[in-house]
């Protein structure tokens, strides 16, 4: 089973279980975000990746420079524990963790959630790789990934879907990173990038593993 198939199955289920007005609003606001061209402004293959230090879900400070000293780094930027696509994606990477390690790479995931909420998603999905907290989206912003959630969907998140971003992220900015996947070489240069403003579309780990060699 691939992540692409898992997402397709979830999409089919969502069409049956979600209210039509919710689905329509998601389609409209996602389409509007895609139309801004924000994904093209993000860092991509060939760019120098910014360095960073962030806390993981266990309270350890993780430095990108230390990770790169050991080999390439695979970074997955995700929206939060409330996002079903992100949960599917993180679980998919967990199933490929041994292959990622055999390729000499280190896998990390980054979201704007507070550390306690990062801990929750790590435990829920049995993740054996660092889940980092980028509170305020500072690192995501350095990668060019940050956007403000459309005001029309903010209310729906809170009132209909139970996605309390201000509480989960520790701020009321309603900013999120575009879901993105990067492979960074030991020289700090991005060797693979996948960024899509449609959060329902994700890089399949099989394609990422191929980029790792």
Protein backbone atom coordinates (compact mmCIF):
# COMPACT_ATOMS: atom_id res chain seq x y z
CA UNK A 1 0.00 0.00 0.00
CA UNK A 2 1.41 3.41 -0.98
CA UNK A 3 0.70 6.82 0.53
CA UNK A 4 -0.89 7.85 -2.76
CA UNK A 5 -3.36 4.95 -2.48
CA UNK A 6 -4.03 5.68 1.20
CA UNK A 7 -4.88 9.29 0.37
CA UNK A 8 -7.11 8.26 -2.52
CA UNK A 9 -9.00 5.89 -0.21
CA UNK A 10 -9.41 8.62 2.40
CA UNK A 11 -10.65 11.08 -0.24
CA UNK A 12 -13.28 8.56 -1.30
CA UNK A 13 -14.39 8.09 2.31
CA UNK A 14 -14.43 11.85 2.94
CA UNK A 15 -16.84 12.39 0.07
CA UNK A 16 -19.26 10.04 1.82
CA UNK A 17 -18.86 11.27 5.39
CA UNK A 18 -18.31 15.05 5.27
CA UNK A 19 -21.00 17.67 4.83
CA UNK A 20 -21.20 19.01 1.29
CA UNK A 21 -20.80 22.65 2.32
CA UNK A 22 -17.58 21.78 4.15
CA UNK A 23 -16.19 19.96 1.13
CA UNK A 24 -17.17 22.81 -1.17
CA UNK A 25 -15.49 25.39 1.07
CA UNK A 26 -12.32 23.29 1.21
CA UNK A 27 -12.30 23.09 -2.58
CA UNK A 28 -12.80 26.84 -2.99
CA UNK A 29 -10.24 28.00 -0.43
CA UNK A 30 -7.66 25.45 -1.53
CA UNK A 31 -8.11 26.47 -5.14
CA UNK A 32 -7.68 30.12 -4.19
CA UNK A 33 -4.44 29.33 -2.34
CA UNK A 34 -3.08 27.35 -5.28
CA UNK A 35 -3.90 30.28 -7.57
CA UNK A 36 -1.65 32.62 -5.56
CA UNK A 37 1.37 30.71 -6.81
CA UNK A 38 2.77 30.45 -3.29
CA UNK A 39 4.28 27.00 -3.90
CA UNK A 40 6.55 28.41 -6.61
CA UNK A 41 7.99 30.89 -4.09
CA UNK A 42 9.20 28.18 -1.72
CA UNK A 43 12.76 26.92 -1.67
CA UNK A 44 13.37 24.15 -4.17
CA UNK A 45 16.02 21.83 -5.56
CA UNK A 46 19.37 23.57 -5.86
CA UNK A 47 18.67 26.18 -3.17
CA UNK A 48 20.68 26.40 0.03
CA UNK A 49 18.60 25.22 2.98
CA UNK A 50 18.49 27.46 6.06
CA UNK A 51 20.03 26.12 9.24
CA UNK A 52 17.85 25.75 12.33
CA UNK A 53 17.61 24.53 15.90
CA UNK A 54 14.23 23.27 17.13
CA UNK A 55 12.91 21.22 20.08
CA UNK A 56 11.68 17.71 19.41
CA UNK A 57 8.69 16.04 21.03
CA UNK A 58 10.90 14.73 23.84
CA UNK A 59 12.29 18.15 24.70
CA UNK A 60 15.67 17.70 23.02
CA UNK A 61 17.09 20.53 20.95
CA UNK A 62 17.83 19.36 17.42
CA UNK A 63 20.35 21.22 15.26
CA UNK A 64 20.22 20.77 11.51
CA UNK A 65 24.00 21.17 11.34
CA UNK A 66 24.45 18.16 13.62
CA UNK A 67 22.09 16.06 11.52
CA UNK A 68 23.84 17.00 8.27
CA UNK A 69 27.19 16.07 9.76
CA UNK A 70 25.93 12.47 9.81
CA UNK A 71 24.39 12.39 6.32
CA UNK A 72 21.52 13.74 4.20
CA UNK A 73 18.41 14.97 5.98
CA UNK A 74 14.84 14.26 4.90
CA UNK A 75 12.43 16.91 6.20
CA UNK A 76 8.67 16.59 6.17
CA UNK A 77 6.80 19.81 6.94
CA UNK A 78 3.26 18.97 8.05
CA UNK A 79 0.27 21.00 9.25
CA UNK A 80 -0.59 19.34 12.55
CA UNK A 81 -2.07 16.40 14.41
CA UNK A 82 -5.58 17.46 13.36
CA UNK A 83 -4.84 16.89 9.65
CA UNK A 84 -5.74 13.37 8.45
CA UNK A 85 -3.48 13.68 5.42
CA UNK A 86 -0.53 14.54 7.68
CA UNK A 87 -1.23 11.52 9.87
CA UNK A 88 -1.34 9.27 6.81
CA UNK A 89 1.90 10.78 5.55
CA UNK A 90 3.78 10.45 8.83
CA UNK A 91 2.67 6.83 9.23
CA UNK A 92 3.83 6.12 5.68
CA UNK A 93 7.28 7.53 6.43
CA UNK A 94 7.45 5.46 9.60
CA UNK A 95 6.95 2.28 7.55
CA UNK A 96 9.90 3.33 5.37
CA UNK A 97 12.14 4.44 8.22
CA UNK A 98 14.51 1.48 7.97
CA UNK A 99 15.02 2.11 4.27
CA UNK A 100 15.66 5.79 4.93
CA UNK A 101 18.29 4.91 7.53
CA UNK A 102 19.90 2.36 5.20
CA UNK A 103 20.25 5.16 2.66
CA UNK A 104 22.28 7.01 5.28
CA UNK A 105 19.67 9.71 5.83
CA UNK A 106 17.95 11.14 8.90
CA UNK A 107 14.19 11.73 8.85
CA UNK A 108 12.58 14.58 10.79
CA UNK A 109 9.08 16.08 10.73
CA UNK A 110 8.30 19.73 11.50
CA UNK A 111 5.01 21.44 12.37
CA UNK A 112 4.01 24.67 14.14
CA UNK A 113 2.42 22.76 17.01
CA UNK A 114 3.54 23.17 20.60
CA UNK A 115 5.85 20.37 21.83
CA UNK A 116 3.13 18.64 23.89
CA UNK A 117 0.97 18.35 20.77
CA UNK A 118 3.93 17.09 18.78
CA UNK A 119 4.32 14.42 21.42
CA UNK A 120 0.70 13.42 20.90
CA UNK A 121 1.08 12.88 17.17
CA UNK A 122 4.33 10.94 17.69
CA UNK A 123 2.67 8.63 20.20
CA UNK A 124 -0.54 8.22 18.19
CA UNK A 125 1.35 7.15 15.09
CA UNK A 126 4.16 5.23 16.85
CA UNK A 127 6.77 7.45 15.24
CA UNK A 128 10.39 6.53 15.87
CA UNK A 129 11.85 9.69 14.35
CA UNK A 130 12.08 13.26 15.73
CA UNK A 131 8.95 15.40 15.51
CA UNK A 132 10.02 19.03 15.85
CA UNK A 133 8.05 22.07 17.00
CA UNK A 134 8.47 25.18 14.86
CA UNK A 135 6.31 27.46 17.01
CA UNK A 136 5.51 30.62 15.09
CA UNK A 137 6.50 28.94 11.80
CA UNK A 138 9.91 30.61 11.83
CA UNK A 139 11.74 27.79 10.06
CA UNK A 140 8.85 27.14 7.68
CA UNK A 141 8.94 30.83 6.81
CA UNK A 142 12.66 30.58 6.02
CA UNK A 143 11.75 27.82 3.54
CA UNK A 144 9.05 30.06 2.02
CA UNK A 145 6.16 27.83 3.05
CA UNK A 146 4.02 29.96 5.37
CA UNK A 147 0.53 31.22 4.57
CA UNK A 148 -2.45 32.54 6.54
CA UNK A 149 -5.47 30.26 6.59
CA UNK A 150 -8.37 31.80 4.64
CA UNK A 151 -10.77 33.55 7.03
CA UNK A 152 -13.66 31.57 5.53
CA UNK A 153 -12.10 28.28 6.58
CA UNK A 154 -10.83 29.54 9.96
CA UNK A 155 -14.36 29.63 11.36
CA UNK A 156 -15.17 26.24 9.84
CA UNK A 157 -12.04 24.76 11.39
CA UNK A 158 -13.06 25.98 14.82
CA UNK A 159 -16.82 25.51 14.74
CA UNK A 160 -17.37 22.52 12.47
CA UNK A 161 -14.15 20.50 12.38
CA UNK A 162 -12.78 21.05 15.87
CA UNK A 163 -9.37 22.20 14.61
CA UNK A 164 -8.35 24.74 17.26
CA UNK A 165 -5.15 26.03 15.68
CA UNK A 166 -4.56 28.88 18.19
CA UNK A 167 -4.55 26.39 21.08
CA UNK A 168 -2.55 23.72 19.26
CA UNK A 169 0.07 26.15 17.96
CA UNK A 170 0.24 28.58 20.87
CA UNK A 171 -0.61 31.66 18.81
CA UNK A 172 -3.62 33.20 17.11
CA UNK A 173 -1.99 33.92 13.76
CA UNK A 174 -3.78 31.07 11.94
CA UNK A 175 -0.64 30.56 9.89
CA UNK A 176 0.40 27.16 8.59
CA UNK A 177 3.18 25.74 6.44
CA UNK A 178 2.42 24.29 3.05
CA UNK A 179 2.99 20.54 3.37
CA UNK A 180 6.44 20.01 1.90
CA UNK A 181 9.13 17.37 1.62
CA UNK A 182 12.83 18.14 1.24
CA UNK A 183 16.02 16.15 1.00
CA UNK A 184 19.05 18.19 2.01
CA UNK A 185 22.55 17.06 1.11
CA UNK A 186 25.45 17.25 3.53
CA UNK A 187 26.60 20.46 1.84
CA UNK A 188 23.29 22.06 2.85
CA UNK A 189 21.91 22.17 -0.69
CA UNK A 190 18.40 20.89 -1.38
CA UNK A 191 18.58 17.84 -3.65
CA UNK A 192 14.85 17.04 -3.72
CA UNK A 193 11.77 19.16 -3.05
CA UNK A 194 8.04 18.65 -3.21
CA UNK A 195 5.79 21.58 -2.32
CA UNK A 196 2.10 21.76 -3.18
CA UNK A 197 -0.43 24.37 -2.08
CA UNK A 198 -3.13 21.69 -2.33
CA UNK A 199 -2.59 19.99 1.02
CA UNK A 200 -4.39 16.88 -0.22
CA UNK A 201 -1.47 16.09 -2.54
CA UNK A 202 1.75 14.71 -1.02
CA UNK A 203 5.02 13.27 -2.24
CA UNK A 204 4.95 9.50 -2.10
CA UNK A 205 7.77 8.12 0.07
CA UNK A 206 8.74 5.77 -2.74
CA UNK A 207 9.61 8.78 -4.92
CA UNK A 208 11.53 10.40 -2.07
CA UNK A 209 13.48 7.20 -1.44
CA UNK A 210 14.42 7.11 -5.10
CA UNK A 211 15.85 10.62 -4.69
CA UNK A 212 17.90 9.43 -1.73
CA UNK A 213 19.49 6.82 -3.97
